[in-house]
Amino acid sequence: MGLFNWKKNKAKKAEKEKEIEKDNLINDDINEQENVDIEEQQQLEQENISNEEHQSIEQEDISNEEQSLQDVNTDVIEEQVIEEDTNMEDQNDTPEEEKGKNKKGFFGKLVKGLTKTRNNILGSVDQVLNSFTKIDEDFYEELEEALIIADLGVNTAIKIMEDLKSKVKEQKIKDTAQVRELLMEELKQLMKNDGDIYDFTEKKSVVLVIGVNGVGKTTTIGKLAHQYKDNGKKVILAAADTFRAAAIDQLAEWSNRAGVELISQQENSDPGAVVFDAVQAAKARNSDILICDTAGRLHNKKNLMEELRKIFKIINREYSEAHKEVLLVLDSTTGQNALQQAKQFKDIADITGIVLTKLDGTAKGGIAIAIQTELNIPVKYIGVGEGIDDLQKFDSDDFVNALFDQ
């Protein structure tokens, strides 16, 4: 027991020192609110890590002690979040979520990830459909209210109802049950993307990733880099978010995991200088895609917006021949607030696509419909999990089918 306690204490001490050096590495999906009690958060993380160390050390032979201690940190970073998330889901699966387990691939994850959104939207919609035996103005008003409550927003709900009324009249539909199919088709048409929106991945491109802190920018960049590299592209990352503590370290960890090059400077250095260096590296190394991280704090402050304009100017001046892609990352759990963020960023940036994260943890997935309808900006990628492959291209048919579980 004395040797066991010594080993456990040594592992705890090693992890505690490592945690101080790499605070919350690659966990950019966790909201970085300034009022969070940092000491309480670190204590909780330390307790989780200590439990994993305890299990690992008991199973290791004493002669392999040093090797097991070296492996602890890697295991924590790459497996802890996924394992804990899986355990939590298994313990709290509802019958609705069980349906997703029986489907394969990303669509299965999408069905399961949209469970809360599906319950929110369809619960209200189906209640209206089942409460009326005829289609009249009262029916339309109740259905419109149900869509608004489901975070589609007033403008989007009004547009959907206008088109729905027109089709019901045109097709002479009398049964409220048939309205459900019409609603599905309407949503698919509203969210359908052009076939060429991903053509930038086949060109020399600079992908600028913007958004407020805490929405998952760094994680999104890492997953995109992994995806592009797997498709045979030469990718370079630029750590131009130089103001947020640990941002550079987080992106460095993702660059290692994806196996791509990172261009960075010291913390608080000029973001424009980082982008300039990255552009020169991309041209010199003949890379296919350069992905630039950017600062995201205080999106409503002029100084940050001016910094983004400066970065755009450098890219246009130094790499005019490259295609420019601007992806805005939004946290779907924030609902209508995400729509307001998109409107503000649209004022200073020519946004070419939206990345919606955390769809697996929200009942507000209807915001995807509102954003695409009101701002006419395509949703290009969606995230429904913590895994490196859980960020995928958006498909309106799959999204609506998963939403209605068809």
Protein backbone atom coordinates (compact mmCIF):
# COMPACT_ATOMS: atom_id res chain seq x y z
CA MET A 1 0.00 0.00 0.00
CA GLY A 2 2.90 2.35 0.69
CA LEU A 3 4.25 1.88 -2.84
CA PHE A 4 0.77 2.29 -4.32
CA ASN A 5 0.18 5.57 -2.44
CA TRP A 6 3.59 6.83 -3.48
CA LYS A 7 2.82 6.07 -7.12
CA LYS A 8 -0.60 7.67 -6.92
CA ASN A 9 0.75 10.82 -5.26
CA LYS A 10 3.53 11.05 -7.80
CA ALA A 11 1.03 10.77 -10.68
CA LYS A 12 -1.18 13.42 -9.09
CA LYS A 13 1.77 15.77 -8.70
CA ALA A 14 2.91 15.24 -12.31
CA GLU A 15 -0.57 15.87 -13.67
CA LYS A 16 -1.10 18.94 -11.48
CA GLU A 17 2.11 20.50 -12.82
CA LYS A 18 1.14 19.60 -16.38
CA GLU A 19 -2.33 21.08 -15.95
CA ILE A 20 -0.86 24.41 -14.83
CA GLU A 21 1.28 24.55 -18.01
CA LYS A 22 -1.52 23.52 -20.39
CA ASP A 23 -4.74 24.93 -19.02
CA ASN A 24 -7.79 23.42 -20.74
CA LEU A 25 -5.85 22.35 -23.88
CA ILE A 26 -8.02 21.64 -27.00
CA ASN A 27 -11.23 22.22 -25.04
CA ASP A 28 -12.22 25.48 -26.84
CA ASP A 29 -15.81 24.22 -26.99
CA ILE A 30 -16.12 25.07 -23.29
CA ASN A 31 -17.50 28.65 -22.99
CA GLU A 32 -14.76 31.01 -21.84
CA GLN A 33 -16.79 33.29 -19.65
CA GLU A 34 -14.71 35.75 -17.65
CA ASN A 35 -16.70 35.21 -14.47
CA VAL A 36 -15.96 31.46 -14.29
CA ASP A 37 -14.29 30.42 -11.06
CA ILE A 38 -11.02 29.11 -12.51
CA GLU A 39 -9.86 27.48 -9.32
CA GLU A 40 -13.10 25.53 -8.96
CA GLN A 41 -12.93 24.37 -12.57
CA GLN A 42 -9.33 23.19 -12.26
CA GLN A 43 -10.19 21.32 -9.07
CA LEU A 44 -13.01 19.48 -10.85
CA GLU A 45 -10.76 18.59 -13.77
CA GLN A 46 -8.05 17.41 -11.38
CA GLU A 47 -10.52 15.09 -9.65
CA ASN A 48 -11.53 13.54 -12.97
CA ILE A 49 -7.91 13.08 -14.02
CA SER A 50 -7.00 11.57 -10.66
CA ASN A 51 -9.73 8.94 -11.02
CA GLU A 52 -8.39 7.90 -14.41
CA GLU A 53 -4.84 7.77 -13.09
CA HIS A 54 -5.97 5.58 -10.21
CA GLN A 55 -7.45 3.00 -12.60
CA SER A 56 -4.46 3.14 -14.96
CA ILE A 57 -1.80 2.69 -12.27
CA GLU A 58 -3.55 -0.31 -10.66
CA GLN A 59 -3.45 -2.17 -13.98
CA GLU A 60 0.18 -1.39 -14.82
CA ASP A 61 3.10 -3.56 -13.77
CA ILE A 62 5.48 -1.82 -11.34
CA SER A 63 8.35 -2.19 -13.82
CA ASN A 64 6.43 -0.02 -16.35
CA GLU A 65 5.82 2.84 -13.91
CA GLU A 66 7.67 5.59 -15.76
CA GLN A 67 6.06 4.74 -19.11
CA SER A 68 2.56 4.74 -17.63
CA LEU A 69 3.11 8.17 -16.11
CA GLN A 70 4.20 9.56 -19.50
CA ASP A 71 1.06 8.19 -21.14
CA VAL A 72 -1.35 9.73 -18.62
CA ASN A 73 -1.35 13.21 -20.16
CA THR A 74 -1.98 11.97 -23.72
CA ASP A 75 -4.82 9.75 -22.55
CA VAL A 76 -6.43 12.66 -20.68
CA ILE A 77 -6.26 15.03 -23.64
CA GLU A 78 -7.45 12.66 -26.37
CA GLU A 79 -9.83 10.30 -24.58
CA GLN A 80 -11.22 11.88 -21.40
CA VAL A 81 -13.80 14.15 -23.02
CA ILE A 82 -15.06 11.46 -25.41
CA GLU A 83 -15.18 8.74 -22.73
CA GLU A 84 -16.98 10.95 -20.21
CA ASP A 85 -19.41 12.17 -22.86
CA THR A 86 -20.16 8.59 -23.95
CA ASN A 87 -20.71 7.42 -20.38
CA MET A 88 -23.04 10.33 -19.68
CA GLU A 89 -25.06 9.65 -22.84
CA ASP A 90 -25.34 5.94 -22.08
CA GLN A 91 -26.68 6.68 -18.62
CA ASN A 92 -29.25 9.22 -19.81
CA ASP A 93 -30.43 7.82 -23.15
CA THR A 94 -34.13 8.31 -23.77
CA PRO A 95 -36.17 6.04 -26.08
CA GLU A 96 -35.89 8.82 -28.67
CA GLU A 97 -32.10 8.76 -28.46
CA GLU A 98 -32.02 4.97 -28.78
CA LYS A 99 -33.28 5.34 -32.35
CA GLY A 100 -30.04 7.05 -33.30
CA LYS A 101 -27.97 4.09 -32.10
CA ASN A 102 -29.65 1.84 -34.65
CA LYS A 103 -28.66 4.05 -37.55
CA LYS A 104 -25.15 4.04 -39.01
CA GLY A 105 -22.55 6.69 -39.63
CA PHE A 106 -22.86 10.42 -39.36
CA PHE A 107 -26.58 10.37 -40.09
CA GLY A 108 -27.08 8.22 -37.01
CA LYS A 109 -25.09 10.73 -34.95
CA LEU A 110 -27.17 13.51 -36.48
CA VAL A 111 -30.45 11.81 -35.53
CA LYS A 112 -29.22 11.31 -31.98
CA GLY A 113 -27.59 14.74 -31.77
CA LEU A 114 -30.80 16.49 -32.82
CA THR A 115 -32.91 14.71 -30.19
CA LYS A 116 -33.43 17.80 -28.04
CA THR A 117 -34.13 20.01 -31.05
CA ARG A 118 -36.49 17.39 -32.51
CA ASN A 119 -38.42 17.15 -29.25
CA ASN A 120 -38.61 20.94 -29.07
CA ILE A 121 -39.79 21.54 -32.63
CA LEU A 122 -41.84 18.44 -33.34
CA GLY A 123 -43.36 18.38 -29.88
CA SER A 124 -44.97 21.75 -30.54
CA VAL A 125 -45.74 21.12 -34.23
CA ASP A 126 -47.25 17.67 -33.74
CA GLN A 127 -49.35 18.98 -30.88
CA VAL A 128 -50.89 21.55 -33.23
CA LEU A 129 -51.36 19.01 -36.03
CA ASN A 130 -53.10 16.59 -33.69
CA SER A 131 -55.29 19.26 -32.11
CA PHE A 132 -56.98 20.43 -35.30
CA THR A 133 -59.26 18.50 -37.64
CA LYS A 134 -59.47 21.22 -40.27
CA ILE A 135 -57.12 23.76 -41.78
CA ASP A 136 -58.18 27.29 -40.94
CA GLU A 137 -56.69 30.56 -39.70
CA ASP A 138 -56.61 29.34 -36.10
CA PHE A 139 -54.62 26.32 -37.25
CA TYR A 140 -52.09 28.49 -39.10
CA GLU A 141 -51.70 30.85 -36.15
CA GLU A 142 -51.02 28.00 -33.73
CA LEU A 143 -48.53 26.40 -36.12
CA GLU A 144 -46.72 29.70 -36.63
CA GLU A 145 -46.45 30.20 -32.88
CA ALA A 146 -45.04 26.68 -32.50
CA LEU A 147 -42.29 27.46 -35.03
CA ILE A 148 -41.40 30.73 -33.30
CA ILE A 149 -41.12 28.99 -29.94
CA ALA A 150 -38.81 26.41 -31.57
CA ASP A 151 -36.21 29.16 -32.22
CA LEU A 152 -36.89 29.55 -35.91
CA GLY A 153 -37.56 33.22 -35.22
CA VAL A 154 -40.48 35.44 -36.17
CA ASN A 155 -39.34 36.35 -39.70
CA THR A 156 -38.51 32.76 -40.62
CA ALA A 157 -41.75 31.43 -39.18
CA ILE A 158 -43.77 34.02 -41.14
CA LYS A 159 -41.99 33.13 -44.39
CA ILE A 160 -42.56 29.41 -43.85
CA MET A 161 -46.26 29.92 -43.11
CA GLU A 162 -46.78 32.08 -46.19
CA ASP A 163 -45.27 29.43 -48.44
CA LEU A 164 -47.15 26.69 -46.59
CA LYS A 165 -50.50 28.41 -47.05
CA SER A 166 -49.83 28.84 -50.75
CA LYS A 167 -48.99 25.16 -51.24
CA VAL A 168 -51.95 23.96 -49.18
CA LYS A 169 -54.27 26.04 -51.34
CA GLU A 170 -52.57 25.03 -54.58
CA GLN A 171 -52.68 21.31 -53.76
CA LYS A 172 -56.17 21.56 -52.20
CA ILE A 173 -55.04 19.84 -49.01
CA LYS A 174 -57.72 19.34 -46.35
CA ASP A 175 -56.03 16.94 -43.93
CA THR A 176 -53.75 18.49 -41.28
CA ALA A 177 -51.61 15.32 -41.29
CA GLN A 178 -50.44 16.14 -44.82
CA VAL A 179 -49.18 19.52 -43.65
CA ARG A 180 -46.31 17.76 -41.85
CA GLU A 181 -44.89 16.49 -45.17
CA LEU A 182 -45.30 19.91 -46.74
CA LEU A 183 -43.46 21.49 -43.82
CA MET A 184 -40.55 19.07 -44.26
CA GLU A 185 -40.26 19.90 -47.95
CA GLU A 186 -40.44 23.62 -47.22
CA LEU A 187 -37.59 23.40 -44.70
CA LYS A 188 -35.45 21.38 -47.11
CA GLN A 189 -35.91 23.98 -49.83
CA LEU A 190 -35.14 26.86 -47.48
CA MET A 191 -31.86 25.28 -46.37
CA LYS A 192 -30.70 23.69 -49.62
CA ASN A 193 -27.18 24.72 -50.59
CA ASP A 194 -25.74 25.18 -54.07
CA GLY A 195 -23.62 22.31 -55.26
CA ASP A 196 -20.46 24.41 -55.62
CA ILE A 197 -20.17 25.83 -52.09
CA TYR A 198 -17.32 23.44 -51.26
CA ASP A 199 -15.34 24.12 -54.43
CA PHE A 200 -12.86 26.19 -52.40
CA THR A 201 -11.36 22.94 -51.09
CA GLU A 202 -10.19 22.19 -54.64
CA LYS A 203 -8.49 25.59 -55.06
CA LYS A 204 -5.60 27.44 -53.49
CA SER A 205 -7.56 28.91 -50.59
CA VAL A 206 -7.24 30.97 -47.43
CA VAL A 207 -9.91 30.01 -44.90
CA LEU A 208 -10.41 32.70 -42.26
CA VAL A 209 -12.28 31.38 -39.21
CA ILE A 210 -14.06 34.03 -37.14
CA GLY A 211 -16.47 34.10 -34.19
CA VAL A 212 -16.69 35.05 -30.52
CA ASN A 213 -14.71 33.15 -27.92
CA GLY A 214 -16.21 29.96 -26.59
CA VAL A 215 -18.07 28.89 -29.74
CA GLY A 216 -15.48 26.28 -30.70
CA LYS A 217 -13.30 28.05 -33.28
CA THR A 218 -10.06 26.27 -32.40
CA THR A 219 -11.69 22.85 -32.31
CA THR A 220 -13.42 23.55 -35.62
CA ILE A 221 -10.09 24.53 -37.21
CA GLY A 222 -8.46 21.33 -35.96
CA LYS A 223 -11.26 19.17 -37.33
CA LEU A 224 -11.27 20.96 -40.69
CA ALA A 225 -7.49 20.56 -40.96
CA HIS A 226 -7.83 16.85 -40.24
CA GLN A 227 -10.61 16.52 -42.81
CA TYR A 228 -8.78 18.41 -45.55
CA LYS A 229 -5.53 16.54 -44.98
CA ASP A 230 -7.35 13.21 -45.14
CA ASN A 231 -8.59 14.33 -48.55
CA GLY A 232 -5.01 14.73 -49.73
CA LYS A 233 -4.61 18.49 -49.20
CA LYS A 234 -1.50 20.22 -47.89
CA VAL A 235 -2.74 22.36 -44.98
CA ILE A 236 -1.09 25.13 -42.93
CA LEU A 237 -2.58 26.70 -39.80
CA ALA A 238 -2.03 30.29 -38.64
CA ALA A 239 -2.39 31.13 -34.94
CA ALA A 240 -3.64 34.72 -35.32
CA ASP A 241 -5.63 34.65 -32.08
CA THR A 242 -2.74 36.04 -30.08
CA PHE A 243 -4.75 37.73 -27.33
CA ARG A 244 -6.46 34.81 -25.61
CA ALA A 245 -4.44 32.82 -23.09
CA ALA A 246 -3.63 29.29 -24.29
CA ALA A 247 -5.12 29.85 -27.78
CA ILE A 248 -1.76 29.28 -29.46
CA ASP A 249 -1.10 26.18 -27.36
CA GLN A 250 -4.52 24.77 -28.18
CA LEU A 251 -4.02 25.27 -31.90
CA ALA A 252 -0.54 23.73 -31.64
CA GLU A 253 -2.07 20.62 -30.07
CA TRP A 254 -4.62 20.36 -32.87
CA SER A 255 -1.94 20.86 -35.53
CA ASN A 256 -0.04 17.94 -34.02
CA ARG A 257 -3.12 15.75 -33.97
CA ALA A 258 -4.00 16.61 -37.57
CA GLY A 259 -0.36 16.38 -38.67
CA VAL A 260 -0.20 19.82 -40.28
CA GLU A 261 2.18 22.77 -39.99
CA LEU A 262 1.48 25.68 -37.65
CA ILE A 263 2.70 29.27 -38.11
CA SER A 264 2.69 31.21 -34.84
CA GLN A 265 4.39 33.90 -32.80
CA GLN A 266 4.43 34.81 -29.13
CA GLU A 267 1.31 35.65 -27.16
CA ASN A 268 0.09 39.27 -27.62
CA SER A 269 2.03 39.66 -30.85
CA ASP A 270 0.48 41.40 -33.87
CA PRO A 271 -2.15 39.11 -35.50
CA GLY A 272 -1.51 40.80 -38.84
CA ALA A 273 2.17 39.83 -38.64
CA VAL A 274 1.21 36.20 -37.99
CA VAL A 275 -1.10 36.17 -41.02
CA PHE A 276 1.61 37.81 -43.15
CA ASP A 277 4.12 35.10 -42.17
CA ALA A 278 1.55 32.37 -42.75
CA VAL A 279 0.70 33.67 -46.22
CA GLN A 280 4.39 33.73 -47.17
CA ALA A 281 4.77 30.17 -45.86
CA ALA A 282 1.70 28.99 -47.77
CA LYS A 283 3.07 30.40 -51.01
CA ALA A 284 6.62 29.14 -50.42
CA ARG A 285 5.46 25.61 -49.51
CA ASN A 286 2.79 25.51 -52.23
CA SER A 287 0.11 24.59 -49.70
CA ASP A 288 -3.46 23.97 -50.80
CA ILE A 289 -5.33 25.46 -47.84
CA LEU A 290 -4.25 28.02 -45.24
CA ILE A 291 -6.59 28.17 -42.23
CA CYS A 292 -6.31 31.26 -40.02
CA ASP A 293 -7.56 31.41 -36.44
CA THR A 294 -8.65 34.86 -35.27
CA ALA A 295 -9.41 36.61 -31.98
CA GLY A 296 -13.03 36.42 -30.87
CA ARG A 297 -13.42 38.37 -27.65
CA LEU A 298 -15.70 41.43 -27.54
CA HIS A 299 -17.18 41.02 -31.00
CA ASN A 300 -19.13 44.28 -30.57
CA LYS A 301 -16.01 46.39 -29.97
CA LYS A 302 -14.56 48.47 -32.76
CA ASN A 303 -10.94 47.52 -32.09
CA LEU A 304 -11.52 43.83 -32.77
CA MET A 305 -13.47 44.53 -35.94
CA GLU A 306 -10.68 46.81 -37.11
CA GLU A 307 -8.21 43.99 -36.46
CA LEU A 308 -10.24 41.69 -38.70
CA ARG A 309 -10.33 44.31 -41.45
CA LYS A 310 -6.55 44.59 -41.20
CA ILE A 311 -6.18 40.83 -41.63
CA PHE A 312 -8.48 40.85 -44.67
CA LYS A 313 -6.39 43.64 -46.20
CA ILE A 314 -3.12 41.72 -45.70
CA ILE A 315 -4.53 38.58 -47.29
CA ASN A 316 -5.93 40.49 -50.28
CA ARG A 317 -2.65 42.32 -50.78
CA GLU A 318 -0.21 39.45 -50.26
CA TYR A 319 -2.19 36.52 -51.66
CA SER A 320 -4.60 38.01 -54.18
CA GLU A 321 -4.58 34.89 -56.33
CA ALA A 322 -5.97 32.68 -53.56
CA HIS A 323 -9.66 32.04 -53.00
CA LYS A 324 -10.93 33.73 -49.81
CA GLU A 325 -13.27 31.74 -47.59
CA VAL A 326 -14.67 33.29 -44.40
CA LEU A 327 -16.32 30.82 -42.02
CA LEU A 328 -18.27 32.16 -39.05
CA VAL A 329 -18.46 29.68 -36.16
CA LEU A 330 -21.64 29.89 -34.06
CA ASP A 331 -22.65 28.02 -30.92
CA SER A 332 -26.12 26.63 -31.64
CA THR A 333 -26.93 26.40 -27.92
CA THR A 334 -27.19 30.21 -27.79
CA GLY A 335 -30.25 30.28 -30.07
CA GLN A 336 -31.27 33.75 -31.23
CA ASN A 337 -28.07 35.22 -29.81
CA ALA A 338 -26.18 33.30 -32.50
CA LEU A 339 -28.31 35.02 -35.12
CA GLN A 340 -27.42 38.43 -33.65
CA GLN A 341 -23.71 37.55 -33.71
CA ALA A 342 -24.00 36.57 -37.36
CA LYS A 343 -25.63 39.91 -38.19
CA GLN A 344 -22.84 41.86 -36.48
CA PHE A 345 -20.02 39.95 -38.14
CA LYS A 346 -21.74 40.22 -41.50
CA ASP A 347 -21.40 44.01 -41.25
CA ILE A 348 -17.60 43.81 -41.39
CA ALA A 349 -16.89 40.54 -43.18
CA ASP A 350 -18.01 38.93 -46.41
CA ILE A 351 -19.05 35.70 -44.69
CA THR A 352 -19.16 32.78 -47.11
CA GLY A 353 -20.40 30.11 -44.74
CA ILE A 354 -21.58 29.21 -41.25
CA VAL A 355 -20.23 26.46 -38.99
CA LEU A 356 -22.81 25.44 -36.38
CA THR A 357 -21.30 23.68 -33.36
CA LYS A 358 -22.77 21.78 -30.39
CA LEU A 359 -25.96 20.69 -32.13
CA ASP A 360 -25.87 17.56 -30.00
CA GLY A 361 -26.36 19.51 -26.78
CA THR A 362 -29.18 21.93 -27.53
CA ALA A 363 -32.90 22.22 -28.06
CA LYS A 364 -32.26 25.30 -30.19
CA GLY A 365 -31.10 23.66 -33.42
CA GLY A 366 -33.89 25.47 -35.23
CA ILE A 367 -31.55 28.46 -35.31
CA ALA A 368 -29.83 26.80 -38.28
CA ILE A 369 -32.99 27.39 -40.29
CA ALA A 370 -33.32 30.99 -39.11
CA ILE A 371 -29.72 31.90 -39.95
CA GLN A 372 -29.84 30.51 -43.47
CA THR A 373 -33.27 32.02 -44.18
CA GLU A 374 -32.79 35.51 -42.73
CA LEU A 375 -29.16 36.16 -43.64
CA ASN A 376 -28.93 34.11 -46.81
CA ILE A 377 -25.62 32.66 -45.63
CA PRO A 378 -25.25 28.92 -46.19
CA VAL A 379 -24.63 26.60 -43.27
CA LYS A 380 -21.60 24.67 -44.57
CA TYR A 381 -20.57 22.54 -41.61
CA ILE A 382 -22.29 21.20 -38.51
CA GLY A 383 -20.88 19.54 -35.41
CA VAL A 384 -22.77 16.87 -33.48
CA GLY A 385 -20.11 15.52 -31.13
CA GLU A 386 -16.63 15.77 -29.62
CA GLY A 387 -14.92 13.35 -32.01
CA ILE A 388 -12.51 14.57 -34.67
CA ASP A 389 -14.85 13.21 -37.38
CA ASP A 390 -18.02 14.71 -35.88
CA LEU A 391 -17.79 17.90 -37.96
CA GLN A 392 -19.30 17.27 -41.38
CA LYS A 393 -20.62 19.05 -44.44
CA PHE A 394 -24.20 20.24 -44.04
CA ASP A 395 -26.89 18.49 -46.07
CA SER A 396 -30.39 19.97 -45.86
CA ASP A 397 -32.15 16.70 -46.68
CA ASP A 398 -30.26 14.80 -44.00
CA PHE A 399 -30.78 17.60 -41.49
CA VAL A 400 -34.55 17.80 -41.97
CA ASN A 401 -34.94 14.02 -42.15
CA ALA A 402 -33.03 13.70 -38.87
CA LEU A 403 -35.09 16.53 -37.41
CA PHE A 404 -38.32 14.70 -38.28
CA ASP A 405 -36.64 11.30 -37.78
CA GLN A 406 -37.61 9.97 -41.20
